[in-house]
Amino acid sequence: MDRAEKRKVGERGQVTLPKELREKFDIQGGDEVLIHEEDGRITIEKPVSREELAEGYRRYATRAATLEAELSGVSSEANQYLGDAPDW
Protein backbone atom coordinates (compact mmCIF):
# COMPACT_ATOMS: atom_id res chain seq x y z
CA MET A 1 0.00 0.00 0.00
CA ASP A 2 1.87 3.03 -1.28
CA ARG A 3 -0.84 5.63 -0.83
CA ALA A 4 -2.45 7.15 2.22
CA GLU A 5 -6.01 6.15 2.95
CA LYS A 6 -8.47 8.29 4.92
CA ARG A 7 -10.31 6.59 7.76
CA LYS A 8 -12.88 8.00 10.19
CA VAL A 9 -12.24 7.84 13.88
CA GLY A 10 -15.24 6.41 15.71
CA GLU A 11 -16.87 7.88 18.80
CA ARG A 12 -14.67 5.74 21.05
CA GLY A 13 -11.46 6.64 19.16
CA GLN A 14 -11.38 3.45 17.11
CA VAL A 15 -9.92 3.25 13.59
CA THR A 16 -10.10 0.23 11.26
CA LEU A 17 -6.78 -0.73 9.69
CA PRO A 18 -7.03 -1.32 5.92
CA LYS A 19 -7.30 -5.01 4.97
CA GLU A 20 -4.23 -4.77 2.72
CA LEU A 21 -2.08 -3.62 5.65
CA ARG A 22 -3.54 -6.19 8.05
CA GLU A 23 -2.66 -8.94 5.57
CA LYS A 24 0.79 -7.50 4.78
CA PHE A 25 1.73 -7.31 8.46
CA ASP A 26 -0.22 -10.42 9.51
CA ILE A 27 -2.41 -8.56 11.98
CA GLN A 28 -5.48 -10.54 13.01
CA GLY A 29 -8.49 -9.52 15.07
CA GLY A 30 -7.53 -9.61 18.74
CA ASP A 31 -3.79 -9.03 18.06
CA GLU A 32 -2.03 -6.31 20.00
CA VAL A 33 -0.33 -3.35 18.30
CA LEU A 34 1.96 -0.66 19.64
CA ILE A 35 0.77 2.93 19.27
CA HIS A 36 3.13 5.80 19.99
CA GLU A 37 4.02 9.31 18.93
CA GLU A 38 7.09 9.64 16.75
CA ASP A 39 8.28 12.98 15.33
CA GLY A 40 4.83 14.52 15.71
CA ARG A 41 3.10 11.55 14.07
CA ILE A 42 1.02 8.71 15.42
CA THR A 43 2.71 5.39 14.64
CA ILE A 44 1.03 1.98 14.80
CA GLU A 45 3.24 -1.09 14.60
CA LYS A 46 3.04 -4.78 15.23
CA PRO A 47 5.18 -5.75 18.23
CA VAL A 48 7.95 -8.28 17.74
CA SER A 49 7.07 -11.62 19.30
CA ARG A 50 9.53 -13.55 21.46
CA GLU A 51 9.77 -16.17 18.69
CA GLU A 52 10.57 -13.54 16.04
CA LEU A 53 13.15 -11.95 18.32
CA ALA A 54 14.77 -15.32 19.06
CA GLU A 55 14.87 -16.14 15.33
CA GLY A 56 16.55 -12.80 14.65
CA TYR A 57 19.22 -13.55 17.25
CA ARG A 58 19.75 -17.03 15.77
CA ARG A 59 20.24 -15.56 12.27
CA TYR A 60 22.66 -12.98 13.68
CA ALA A 61 24.66 -15.68 15.49
CA THR A 62 24.82 -17.78 12.31
CA ARG A 63 26.05 -14.81 10.26
CA ALA A 64 28.62 -13.96 12.93
CA ALA A 65 29.94 -17.55 12.97
CA THR A 66 30.13 -17.60 9.16
CA LEU A 67 32.01 -14.30 9.13
CA GLU A 68 34.39 -15.50 11.84
CA ALA A 69 35.21 -18.64 9.84
CA GLU A 70 35.71 -16.61 6.68
CA LEU A 71 37.97 -14.08 8.37
CA SER A 72 39.96 -16.83 10.06
CA GLY A 73 40.77 -18.28 6.65
CA VAL A 74 41.72 -14.86 5.28
CA SER A 75 43.92 -14.17 8.30
CA SER A 76 45.84 -17.45 8.00
CA GLU A 77 46.21 -16.90 4.24
CA ALA A 78 47.63 -13.42 4.86
CA ASN A 79 50.09 -14.84 7.39
CA GLN A 80 51.32 -17.34 4.78
CA TYR A 81 52.06 -14.61 2.25
CA LEU A 82 53.09 -11.76 4.54
CA GLY A 83 54.38 -13.50 7.64
CA ASP A 84 53.36 -12.71 11.16
CA ALA A 85 52.74 -9.10 12.11
CA PRO A 86 55.81 -7.42 13.57
CA ASP A 87 55.98 -6.72 17.31
CA TRP A 88 56.33 -2.94 17.32
PDB file of N, CA and C in Angstrom:
ATOM      1  N   MET A   1       0.853  -1.175   0.000  1.00  0.00           N
ATOM      2  CA  MET A   1       0.000   0.000   0.000  1.00  0.00           C
ATOM      3  C   MET A   1       0.893   1.231   0.000  1.00  0.00           C
ATOM      4  N   ASP A   2       0.973   1.893  -1.135  1.00  0.00           N
ATOM      5  CA  ASP A   2       1.872   3.030  -1.278  1.00  0.00           C
ATOM      6  C   ASP A   2       1.188   4.377  -1.090  1.00  0.00           C
ATOM      7  N   ARG A   3      -0.123   4.362  -0.938  1.00  0.00           N
ATOM      8  CA  ARG A   3      -0.836   5.628  -0.825  1.00  0.00           C
ATOM      9  C   ARG A   3      -1.524   5.712   0.537  1.00  0.00           C
ATOM     10  N   ALA A   4      -1.738   6.939   0.965  1.00  0.00           N
ATOM     11  CA  ALA A   4      -2.454   7.148   2.218  1.00  0.00           C
ATOM     12  C   ALA A   4      -3.935   6.881   1.996  1.00  0.00           C
ATOM     13  N   GLU A   5      -4.591   6.442   3.031  1.00  0.00           N
ATOM     14  CA  GLU A   5      -6.012   6.151   2.949  1.00  0.00           C
ATOM     15  C   GLU A   5      -6.696   6.819   4.130  1.00  0.00           C
ATOM     16  N   LYS A   6      -7.727   7.624   3.848  1.00  0.00           N
ATOM     17  CA  LYS A   6      -8.473   8.294   4.921  1.00  0.00           C
ATOM     18  C   LYS A   6      -9.373   7.302   5.631  1.00  0.00           C
ATOM     19  N   ARG A   7      -9.414   7.400   6.942  1.00  0.00           N
ATOM     20  CA  ARG A   7     -10.308   6.586   7.762  1.00  0.00           C
ATOM     21  C   ARG A   7     -10.949   7.496   8.798  1.00  0.00           C
ATOM     22  N   LYS A   8     -12.198   7.231   9.141  1.00  0.00           N
ATOM     23  CA  LYS A   8     -12.881   7.999  10.186  1.00  0.00           C
ATOM     24  C   LYS A   8     -12.575   7.399  11.548  1.00  0.00           C
ATOM     25  N   VAL A   9     -12.425   8.275  12.501  1.00  0.00           N
ATOM     26  CA  VAL A   9     -12.239   7.845  13.880  1.00  0.00           C
ATOM     27  C   VAL A   9     -13.626   7.766  14.507  1.00  0.00           C
ATOM     28  N   GLY A  10     -13.938   6.604  15.084  1.00  0.00           N
ATOM     29  CA  GLY A  10     -15.237   6.407  15.707  1.00  0.00           C
ATOM     30  C   GLY A  10     -15.379   7.176  17.007  1.00  0.00           C
ATOM     31  N   GLU A  11     -16.558   7.171  17.548  1.00  0.00           N
ATOM     32  CA  GLU A  11     -16.872   7.880  18.799  1.00  0.00           C
ATOM     33  C   GLU A  11     -15.934   7.482  19.938  1.00  0.00           C
ATOM     34  N   ARG A  12     -15.539   6.236  19.968  1.00  0.00           N
ATOM     35  CA  ARG A  12     -14.670   5.742  21.048  1.00  0.00           C
ATOM     36  C   ARG A  12     -13.200   5.787  20.662  1.00  0.00           C
ATOM     37  N   GLY A  13     -12.858   6.493  19.568  1.00  0.00           N
ATOM     38  CA  GLY A  13     -11.462   6.638  19.161  1.00  0.00           C
ATOM     39  C   GLY A  13     -10.937   5.476  18.340  1.00  0.00           C
ATOM     40  N   GLN A  14     -11.820   4.622  17.854  1.00  0.00           N
ATOM     41  CA  GLN A  14     -11.383   3.446  17.106  1.00  0.00           C
ATOM     42  C   GLN A  14     -11.208   3.762  15.625  1.00  0.00           C
ATOM     43  N   VAL A  15     -10.196   3.125  15.023  1.00  0.00           N
ATOM     44  CA  VAL A  15      -9.918   3.246  13.594  1.00  0.00           C
ATOM     45  C   VAL A  15      -9.724   1.834  13.055  1.00  0.00           C
ATOM     46  N   THR A  16     -10.288   1.534  11.889  1.00  0.00           N
ATOM     47  CA  THR A  16     -10.101   0.228  11.262  1.00  0.00           C
ATOM     48  C   THR A  16      -8.875   0.280  10.360  1.00  0.00           C
ATOM     49  N   LEU A  17      -7.955  -0.655  10.555  1.00  0.00           N
ATOM     50  CA  LEU A  17      -6.784  -0.735   9.690  1.00  0.00           C
ATOM     51  C   LEU A  17      -7.192  -1.323   8.343  1.00  0.00           C
ATOM     52  N   PRO A  18      -6.685  -0.778   7.237  1.00  0.00           N
ATOM     53  CA  PRO A  18      -7.028  -1.319   5.919  1.00  0.00           C
ATOM     54  C   PRO A  18      -6.650  -2.798   5.810  1.00  0.00           C
ATOM     55  N   LYS A  19      -7.497  -3.562   5.127  1.00  0.00           N
ATOM     56  CA  LYS A  19      -7.299  -5.007   4.974  1.00  0.00           C
ATOM     57  C   LYS A  19      -5.927  -5.320   4.380  1.00  0.00           C
ATOM     58  N   GLU A  20      -5.518  -4.543   3.382  1.00  0.00           N
ATOM     59  CA  GLU A  20      -4.225  -4.767   2.722  1.00  0.00           C
ATOM     60  C   GLU A  20      -3.067  -4.699   3.727  1.00  0.00           C
ATOM     61  N   LEU A  21      -3.138  -3.739   4.643  1.00  0.00           N
ATOM     62  CA  LEU A  21      -2.081  -3.620   5.651  1.00  0.00           C
ATOM     63  C   LEU A  21      -2.177  -4.725   6.695  1.00  0.00           C
ATOM     64  N   ARG A  22      -3.398  -5.095   7.094  1.00  0.00           N
ATOM     65  CA  ARG A  22      -3.544  -6.194   8.051  1.00  0.00           C
ATOM     66  C   ARG A  22      -2.961  -7.477   7.484  1.00  0.00           C
ATOM     67  N   GLU A  23      -3.209  -7.732   6.208  1.00  0.00           N
ATOM     68  CA  GLU A  23      -2.659  -8.937   5.567  1.00  0.00           C
ATOM     69  C   GLU A  23      -1.147  -8.838   5.425  1.00  0.00           C
ATOM     70  N   LYS A  24      -0.652  -7.686   4.988  1.00  0.00           N
ATOM     71  CA  LYS A  24       0.787  -7.504   4.776  1.00  0.00           C
ATOM     72  C   LYS A  24       1.574  -7.727   6.068  1.00  0.00           C
ATOM     73  N   PHE A  25       1.030  -7.224   7.189  1.00  0.00           N
ATOM     74  CA  PHE A  25       1.732  -7.314   8.465  1.00  0.00           C
ATOM     75  C   PHE A  25       1.198  -8.432   9.352  1.00  0.00           C
ATOM     76  N   ASP A  26       0.344  -9.280   8.799  1.00  0.00           N
ATOM     77  CA  ASP A  26      -0.218 -10.422   9.509  1.00  0.00           C
ATOM     78  C   ASP A  26      -0.823 -10.012  10.851  1.00  0.00           C
ATOM     79  N   ILE A  27      -1.705  -9.026  10.786  1.00  0.00           N
ATOM     80  CA  ILE A  27      -2.411  -8.556  11.976  1.00  0.00           C
ATOM     81  C   ILE A  27      -3.830  -9.117  11.920  1.00  0.00           C
ATOM     82  N   GLN A  28      -4.171  -9.907  12.922  1.00  0.00           N
ATOM     83  CA  GLN A  28      -5.485 -10.545  13.008  1.00  0.00           C
ATOM     84  C   GLN A  28      -6.314  -9.847  14.080  1.00  0.00           C
ATOM     85  N   GLY A  29      -7.627 -10.034  14.023  1.00  0.00           N
ATOM     86  CA  GLY A  29      -8.489  -9.515  15.070  1.00  0.00           C
ATOM     87  C   GLY A  29      -8.056 -10.057  16.422  1.00  0.00           C
ATOM     88  N   GLY A  30      -7.955  -9.199  17.408  1.00  0.00           N
ATOM     89  CA  GLY A  30      -7.526  -9.613  18.744  1.00  0.00           C
ATOM     90  C   GLY A  30      -6.032  -9.457  18.979  1.00  0.00           C
ATOM     91  N   ASP A  31      -5.236  -9.244  17.896  1.00  0.00           N
ATOM     92  CA  ASP A  31      -3.791  -9.026  18.065  1.00  0.00           C
ATOM     93  C   ASP A  31      -3.549  -7.681  18.738  1.00  0.00           C
ATOM     94  N   GLU A  32      -2.423  -7.572  19.391  1.00  0.00           N
ATOM     95  CA  GLU A  32      -2.034  -6.307  19.997  1.00  0.00           C
ATOM     96  C   GLU A  32      -1.134  -5.552  19.030  1.00  0.00           C
ATOM     97  N   VAL A  33      -1.222  -4.212  19.067  1.00  0.00           N
ATOM     98  CA  VAL A  33      -0.332  -3.348  18.298  1.00  0.00           C
ATOM     99  C   VAL A  33       0.231  -2.301  19.244  1.00  0.00           C
ATOM    100  N   LEU A  34       1.358  -1.746  18.873  1.00  0.00           N
ATOM    101  CA  LEU A  34       1.965  -0.663  19.641  1.00  0.00           C
ATOM    102  C   LEU A  34       1.577   0.653  18.993  1.00  0.00           C
ATOM    103  N   ILE A  35       1.143   1.612  19.773  1.00  0.00           N
ATOM    104  CA  ILE A  35       0.773   2.935  19.275  1.00  0.00           C
ATOM    105  C   ILE A  35       1.594   3.951  20.052  1.00  0.00           C
ATOM    106  N   HIS A  36       2.331   4.784  19.318  1.00  0.00           N
ATOM    107  CA  HIS A  36       3.130   5.803  19.990  1.00  0.00           C
ATOM    108  C   HIS A  36       3.312   7.011  19.085  1.00  0.00           C
ATOM    109  N   GLU A  37       3.745   8.097  19.687  1.00  0.00           N
ATOM    110  CA  GLU A  37       4.024   9.314  18.928  1.00  0.00           C
ATOM    111  C   GLU A  37       5.489   9.295  18.518  1.00  0.00           C
ATOM    112  N   GLU A  38       5.729   9.643  17.278  1.00  0.00           N
ATOM    113  CA  GLU A  38       7.093   9.644  16.755  1.00  0.00           C
ATOM    114  C   GLU A  38       7.236  10.822  15.802  1.00  0.00           C
ATOM    115  N   ASP A  39       8.062  11.789  16.165  1.00  0.00           N
ATOM    116  CA  ASP A  39       8.282  12.981  15.333  1.00  0.00           C
ATOM    117  C   ASP A  39       6.975  13.679  14.968  1.00  0.00           C
ATOM    118  N   GLY A  40       6.083  13.838  15.934  1.00  0.00           N
ATOM    119  CA  GLY A  40       4.830  14.523  15.710  1.00  0.00           C
ATOM    120  C   GLY A  40       3.800  13.721  14.932  1.00  0.00           C
ATOM    121  N   ARG A  41       4.030  12.423  14.786  1.00  0.00           N
ATOM    122  CA  ARG A  41       3.098  11.551  14.067  1.00  0.00           C
ATOM    123  C   ARG A  41       2.664  10.413  14.980  1.00  0.00           C
ATOM    124  N   ILE A  42       1.498   9.887  14.701  1.00  0.00           N
ATOM    125  CA  ILE A  42       1.021   8.705  15.423  1.00  0.00           C
ATOM    126  C   ILE A  42       1.487   7.490  14.633  1.00  0.00           C
ATOM    127  N   THR A  43       2.186   6.588  15.295  1.00  0.00           N
ATOM    128  CA  THR A  43       2.713   5.392  14.645  1.00  0.00           C
ATOM    129  C   THR A  43       2.061   4.157  15.248  1.00  0.00           C
ATOM    130  N   ILE A  44       1.602   3.257  14.374  1.00  0.00           N
ATOM    131  CA  ILE A  44       1.030   1.979  14.803  1.00  0.00           C
ATOM    132  C   ILE A  44       1.930   0.897  14.244  1.00  0.00           C
ATOM    133  N   GLU A  45       2.393  -0.004  15.089  1.00  0.00           N
ATOM    134  CA  GLU A  45       3.243  -1.087  14.601  1.00  0.00           C
ATOM    135  C   GLU A  45       2.942  -2.384  15.327  1.00  0.00           C
ATOM    136  N   LYS A  46       3.225  -3.460  14.645  1.00  0.00           N
ATOM    137  CA  LYS A  46       3.038  -4.784  15.234  1.00  0.00           C
ATOM    138  C   LYS A  46       4.248  -5.067  16.114  1.00  0.00           C
ATOM    139  N   PRO A  47       4.033  -5.444  17.373  1.00  0.00           N
ATOM    140  CA  PRO A  47       5.177  -5.750  18.230  1.00  0.00           C
ATOM    141  C   PRO A  47       5.888  -7.021  17.766  1.00  0.00           C
ATOM    142  N   VAL A  48       7.158  -7.101  18.074  1.00  0.00           N
ATOM    143  CA  VAL A  48       7.949  -8.279  17.737  1.00  0.00           C
ATOM    144  C   VAL A  48       7.683  -9.345  18.796  1.00  0.00           C
ATOM    145  N   SER A  49       7.333 -10.544  18.355  1.00  0.00           N
ATOM    146  CA  SER A  49       7.071 -11.625  19.303  1.00  0.00           C
ATOM    147  C   SER A  49       8.396 -12.200  19.811  1.00  0.00           C
ATOM    148  N   ARG A  50       8.337 -12.907  20.903  1.00  0.00           N
ATOM    149  CA  ARG A  50       9.534 -13.554  21.458  1.00  0.00           C
ATOM    150  C   ARG A  50      10.143 -14.509  20.444  1.00  0.00           C
ATOM    151  N   GLU A  51       9.282 -15.218  19.693  1.00  0.00           N
ATOM    152  CA  GLU A  51       9.767 -16.170  18.693  1.00  0.00           C
ATOM    153  C   GLU A  51      10.502 -15.446  17.563  1.00  0.00           C
ATOM    154  N   GLU A  52       9.927 -14.325  17.098  1.00  0.00           N
ATOM    155  CA  GLU A  52      10.569 -13.541  16.036  1.00  0.00           C
ATOM    156  C   GLU A  52      11.897 -12.966  16.516  1.00  0.00           C
ATOM    157  N   LEU A  53      11.922 -12.489  17.748  1.00  0.00           N
ATOM    158  CA  LEU A  53      13.146 -11.946  18.315  1.00  0.00           C
ATOM    159  C   LEU A  53      14.212 -13.029  18.436  1.00  0.00           C
ATOM    160  N   ALA A  54      13.827 -14.202  18.927  1.00  0.00           N
ATOM    161  CA  ALA A  54      14.771 -15.317  19.062  1.00  0.00           C
ATOM    162  C   ALA A  54      15.308 -15.734  17.695  1.00  0.00           C
ATOM    163  N   GLU A  55      14.436 -15.779  16.689  1.00  0.00           N
ATOM    164  CA  GLU A  55      14.868 -16.140  15.332  1.00  0.00           C
ATOM    165  C   GLU A  55      15.857 -15.111  14.792  1.00  0.00           C
ATOM    166  N   GLY A  56      15.621 -13.852  15.067  1.00  0.00           N
ATOM    167  CA  GLY A  56      16.549 -12.803  14.648  1.00  0.00           C
ATOM    168  C   GLY A  56      17.915 -12.982  15.287  1.00  0.00           C
ATOM    169  N   TYR A  57      17.946 -13.309  16.565  1.00  0.00           N
ATOM    170  CA  TYR A  57      19.223 -13.554  17.249  1.00  0.00           C
ATOM    171  C   TYR A  57      19.922 -14.791  16.685  1.00  0.00           C
ATOM    172  N   ARG A  58      19.148 -15.829  16.361  1.00  0.00           N
ATOM    173  CA  ARG A  58      19.752 -17.034  15.767  1.00  0.00           C
ATOM    174  C   ARG A  58      20.389 -16.723  14.414  1.00  0.00           C
ATOM    175  N   ARG A  59      19.681 -15.939  13.586  1.00  0.00           N
ATOM    176  CA  ARG A  59      20.237 -15.560  12.275  1.00  0.00           C
ATOM    177  C   ARG A  59      21.500 -14.732  12.445  1.00  0.00           C
ATOM    178  N   TYR A  60      21.488 -13.814  13.411  1.00  0.00           N
ATOM    179  CA  TYR A  60      22.658 -12.977  13.676  1.00  0.00           C
ATOM    180  C   TYR A  60      23.837 -13.842  14.111  1.00  0.00           C
ATOM    181  N   ALA A  61      23.589 -14.796  14.997  1.00  0.00           N
ATOM    182  CA  ALA A  61      24.660 -15.678  15.485  1.00  0.00           C
ATOM    183  C   ALA A  61      25.223 -16.522  14.343  1.00  0.00           C
ATOM    184  N   THR A  62      24.362 -16.997  13.460  1.00  0.00           N
ATOM    185  CA  THR A  62      24.819 -17.785  12.312  1.00  0.00           C
ATOM    186  C   THR A  62      25.693 -16.938  11.386  1.00  0.00           C
ATOM    187  N   ARG A  63      25.251 -15.702  11.116  1.00  0.00           N
ATOM    188  CA  ARG A  63      26.047 -14.811  10.259  1.00  0.00           C
ATOM    189  C   ARG A  63      27.389 -14.497  10.906  1.00  0.00           C
ATOM    190  N   ALA A  64      27.388 -14.277  12.217  1.00  0.00           N
ATOM    191  CA  ALA A  64      28.623 -13.963  12.926  1.00  0.00           C
ATOM    192  C   ALA A  64      29.593 -15.147  12.860  1.00  0.00           C
ATOM    193  N   ALA A  65      29.086 -16.363  13.026  1.00  0.00           N
ATOM    194  CA  ALA A  65      29.939 -17.553  12.973  1.00  0.00           C
ATOM    195  C   ALA A  65      30.504 -17.735  11.567  1.00  0.00           C
ATOM    196  N   THR A  66      29.682 -17.491  10.552  1.00  0.00           N
ATOM    197  CA  THR A  66      30.131 -17.602   9.161  1.00  0.00           C
ATOM    198  C   THR A  66      31.220 -16.575   8.882  1.00  0.00           C
ATOM    199  N   LEU A  67      31.016 -15.353   9.330  1.00  0.00           N
ATOM    200  CA  LEU A  67      32.009 -14.301   9.132  1.00  0.00           C
ATOM    201  C   LEU A  67      33.306 -14.617   9.861  1.00  0.00           C
ATOM    202  N   GLU A  68      33.194 -15.136  11.072  1.00  0.00           N
ATOM    203  CA  GLU A  68      34.387 -15.502  11.844  1.00  0.00           C
ATOM    204  C   GLU A  68      35.191 -16.572  11.103  1.00  0.00           C
ATOM    205  N   ALA A  69      34.517 -17.578  10.579  1.00  0.00           N
ATOM    206  CA  ALA A  69      35.207 -18.641   9.844  1.00  0.00           C
ATOM    207  C   ALA A  69      35.871 -18.084   8.589  1.00  0.00           C
ATOM    208  N   GLU A  70      35.162 -17.203   7.897  1.00  0.00           N
ATOM    209  CA  GLU A  70      35.714 -16.608   6.677  1.00  0.00           C
ATOM    210  C   GLU A  70      36.935 -15.752   6.986  1.00  0.00           C
ATOM    211  N   LEU A  71      36.850 -14.943   8.015  1.00  0.00           N
ATOM    212  CA  LEU A  71      37.972 -14.075   8.372  1.00  0.00           C
ATOM    213  C   LEU A  71      39.151 -14.876   8.904  1.00  0.00           C
ATOM    214  N   SER A  72      38.879 -15.972   9.572  1.00  0.00           N
ATOM    215  CA  SER A  72      39.956 -16.828  10.065  1.00  0.00           C
ATOM    216  C   SER A  72      40.773 -17.363   8.894  1.00  0.00           C
ATOM    217  N   GLY A  73      40.079 -17.789   7.841  1.00  0.00           N
ATOM    218  CA  GLY A  73      40.770 -18.280   6.653  1.00  0.00           C
ATOM    219  C   GLY A  73      41.572 -17.183   5.981  1.00  0.00           C
ATOM    220  N   VAL A  74      41.023 -15.989   5.897  1.00  0.00           N
ATOM    221  CA  VAL A  74      41.723 -14.862   5.280  1.00  0.00           C
ATOM    222  C   VAL A  74      42.943 -14.501   6.104  1.00  0.00           C
ATOM    223  N   SER A  75      42.815 -14.520   7.419  1.00  0.00           N
ATOM    224  CA  SER A  75      43.921 -14.172   8.296  1.00  0.00           C
ATOM    225  C   SER A  75      45.073 -15.166   8.152  1.00  0.00           C
ATOM    226  N   SER A  76      44.775 -16.456   8.137  1.00  0.00           N
ATOM    227  CA  SER A  76      45.845 -17.446   7.997  1.00  0.00           C
ATOM    228  C   SER A  76      46.469 -17.368   6.611  1.00  0.00           C
ATOM    229  N   GLU A  77      45.681 -17.058   5.594  1.00  0.00           N
ATOM    230  CA  GLU A  77      46.213 -16.897   4.240  1.00  0.00           C
ATOM    231  C   GLU A  77      47.147 -15.696   4.183  1.00  0.00           C
ATOM    232  N   ALA A  78      46.772 -14.612   4.828  1.00  0.00           N
ATOM    233  CA  ALA A  78      47.628 -13.421   4.861  1.00  0.00           C
ATOM    234  C   ALA A  78      48.932 -13.717   5.580  1.00  0.00           C
ATOM    235  N   ASN A  79      48.870 -14.480   6.661  1.00  0.00           N
ATOM    236  CA  ASN A  79      50.094 -14.837   7.387  1.00  0.00           C
ATOM    237  C   ASN A  79      51.033 -15.657   6.509  1.00  0.00           C
ATOM    238  N   GLN A  80      50.488 -16.528   5.674  1.00  0.00           N
ATOM    239  CA  GLN A  80      51.323 -17.343   4.784  1.00  0.00           C
ATOM    240  C   GLN A  80      52.094 -16.460   3.806  1.00  0.00           C
ATOM    241  N   TYR A  81      51.436 -15.470   3.261  1.00  0.00           N
ATOM    242  CA  TYR A  81      52.064 -14.615   2.249  1.00  0.00           C
ATOM    243  C   TYR A  81      52.859 -13.468   2.846  1.00  0.00           C
ATOM    244  N   LEU A  82      52.454 -12.955   3.971  1.00  0.00           N
ATOM    245  CA  LEU A  82      53.087 -11.758   4.543  1.00  0.00           C
ATOM    246  C   LEU A  82      53.904 -12.044   5.786  1.00  0.00           C
ATOM    247  N   GLY A  83      53.721 -13.197   6.368  1.00  0.00           N
ATOM    248  CA  GLY A  83      54.384 -13.500   7.643  1.00  0.00           C
ATOM    249  C   GLY A  83      53.605 -12.913   8.788  1.00  0.00           C
ATOM    250  N   ASP A  84      54.042 -13.231   9.975  1.00  0.00           N
ATOM    251  CA  ASP A  84      53.360 -12.711  11.159  1.00  0.00           C
ATOM    252  C   ASP A  84      53.562 -11.208  11.258  1.00  0.00           C
ATOM    253  N   ALA A  85      52.637 -10.538  11.904  1.00  0.00           N
ATOM    254  CA  ALA A  85      52.740  -9.104  12.106  1.00  0.00           C
ATOM    255  C   ALA A  85      53.920  -8.817  13.013  1.00  0.00           C
ATOM    256  N   PRO A  86      54.652  -7.739  12.728  1.00  0.00           N
ATOM    257  CA  PRO A  86      55.811  -7.418  13.569  1.00  0.00           C
ATOM    258  C   PRO A  86      55.377  -6.968  14.963  1.00  0.00           C
ATOM    259  N   ASP A  87      56.233  -7.169  15.934  1.00  0.00           N
ATOM    260  CA  ASP A  87      55.983  -6.717  17.305  1.00  0.00           C
ATOM    261  C   ASP A  87      56.587  -5.310  17.439  1.00  0.00           C
ATOM    262  N   TRP A  88      55.820  -4.308  17.255  1.00  0.00           N
ATOM    263  CA  TRP A  88      56.333  -2.941  17.323  1.00  0.00           C
ATOM    264  C   TRP A  88      56.274  -2.424  18.711  1.00  0.00           C
TER     265      TRP A  88
END
